[in-house]
Amino acid sequence: MIELEVYARGLRDLNKILELDLQLEPIAGLHYKIDTNHDLVYFEFDRPALSLREIRAIFLKLGLEPLFIGAIPPELRPRTKTERLTA
C-alpha cells in the first residue's frame, strides 16, 4: 500500500471537490479521502498508478496548488534517470 497526503488550499469549495472526484474516479487502484476542514486529500494506491507530476497536474488543472506533506514514497518519484554525458 502506497500512501500520500496532499494539501491544496481552496479544496473546501464543493465545485473543486466534484471536479477532483471526476478526475480521480477513473484511476484504477486509487482510493482517496478528502478532508474539507483542512483542505487535505489522503491517497492510497494499491500500485503506483500515478507519478507526482501527474498528481500535481490534476490539481493545477483545477486551479489548486498542491503541497505534498511528509515523505514522498519512492514509487511515486519520477521514473527517469539522468545519464552521464561523455565527450
Protein backbone atom coordinates (compact mmCIF):
# COMPACT_ATOMS: atom_id res chain seq x y z
CA MET A 1 0.00 0.00 0.00
CA ILE A 2 1.38 3.40 -1.02
CA GLU A 3 0.14 6.43 0.93
CA LEU A 4 0.40 10.13 0.13
CA GLU A 5 -1.04 13.25 1.72
CA VAL A 6 -1.65 16.44 -0.27
CA TYR A 7 -2.64 19.90 0.98
CA ALA A 8 -4.45 22.12 -1.54
CA ARG A 9 -5.76 25.47 -0.32
CA GLY A 10 -9.23 26.12 -1.70
CA LEU A 11 -10.30 22.49 -1.77
CA ARG A 12 -13.21 23.28 0.56
CA ASP A 13 -15.19 24.60 -2.43
CA LEU A 14 -17.81 22.00 -3.40
CA ASN A 15 -17.19 22.57 -7.12
CA LYS A 16 -13.47 21.83 -6.68
CA ILE A 17 -14.29 18.64 -4.77
CA LEU A 18 -16.64 17.47 -7.52
CA GLU A 19 -14.11 18.30 -10.25
CA LEU A 20 -11.37 16.45 -8.36
CA ASP A 21 -13.65 13.44 -7.96
CA LEU A 22 -14.27 13.39 -11.73
CA GLN A 23 -10.50 13.42 -12.35
CA LEU A 24 -9.63 10.72 -9.81
CA GLU A 25 -12.57 8.32 -10.18
CA PRO A 26 -11.36 6.54 -13.36
CA ILE A 27 -7.91 5.72 -11.92
CA ALA A 28 -7.79 2.01 -11.05
CA GLY A 29 -6.35 1.03 -7.68
CA LEU A 30 -6.63 4.54 -6.23
CA HIS A 31 -8.51 5.24 -3.01
CA TYR A 32 -8.74 8.72 -1.56
CA LYS A 33 -10.42 10.69 1.18
CA ILE A 34 -10.95 14.45 1.17
CA ASP A 35 -10.77 16.36 4.46
CA THR A 36 -12.60 19.59 3.63
CA ASN A 37 -12.00 21.08 7.08
CA HIS A 38 -8.24 21.14 6.43
CA ASP A 39 -8.02 21.17 2.58
CA LEU A 40 -6.30 17.76 2.58
CA VAL A 41 -6.52 14.74 0.33
CA TYR A 42 -5.31 11.36 1.59
CA PHE A 43 -4.32 8.99 -1.21
CA GLU A 44 -3.85 5.22 -1.03
CA PHE A 45 -2.56 3.30 -4.04
CA ASP A 46 -2.60 -0.47 -4.50
CA ARG A 47 0.18 0.06 -7.03
CA PRO A 48 1.86 3.22 -8.37
CA ALA A 49 -0.80 4.31 -10.86
CA LEU A 50 0.30 7.97 -10.99
CA SER A 51 3.54 9.90 -10.64
CA LEU A 52 3.93 13.06 -8.57
CA ARG A 53 3.90 15.10 -11.77
CA GLU A 54 0.57 13.60 -12.82
CA ILE A 55 -0.96 14.23 -9.39
CA ARG A 56 0.34 17.80 -9.45
CA ALA A 57 -1.10 18.31 -12.96
CA ILE A 58 -4.56 17.18 -11.83
CA PHE A 59 -4.60 19.75 -9.02
CA LEU A 60 -3.17 22.54 -11.20
CA LYS A 61 -5.83 21.85 -13.84
CA LEU A 62 -8.44 22.64 -11.17
CA GLY A 63 -6.69 25.86 -10.15
CA LEU A 64 -5.30 24.37 -6.93
CA GLU A 65 -1.65 24.44 -5.83
CA PRO A 66 -0.80 21.05 -4.30
CA LEU A 67 1.70 20.74 -1.46
CA PHE A 68 2.90 17.23 -0.69
CA ILE A 69 3.08 16.53 3.04
CA GLY A 70 5.55 14.14 4.63
CA ALA A 71 7.87 11.69 2.92
CA ILE A 72 7.25 11.05 -0.76
CA PRO A 73 7.05 7.32 -1.50
CA PRO A 74 9.87 6.30 -3.87
CA GLU A 75 7.35 4.55 -6.14
CA LEU A 76 5.81 7.94 -7.00
CA ARG A 77 9.04 9.76 -7.77
CA PRO A 78 9.92 10.50 -11.41
CA ARG A 79 10.95 7.35 -13.26
CA THR A 80 13.59 8.95 -15.46
CA LYS A 81 17.23 8.71 -14.52
CA THR A 82 19.92 11.10 -15.60
CA GLU A 83 22.70 9.83 -17.80
CA ARG A 84 26.27 10.99 -17.70
CA LEU A 85 27.31 12.83 -20.86
CA THR A 86 30.55 11.70 -22.46
CA ALA A 87 32.76 13.96 -24.50
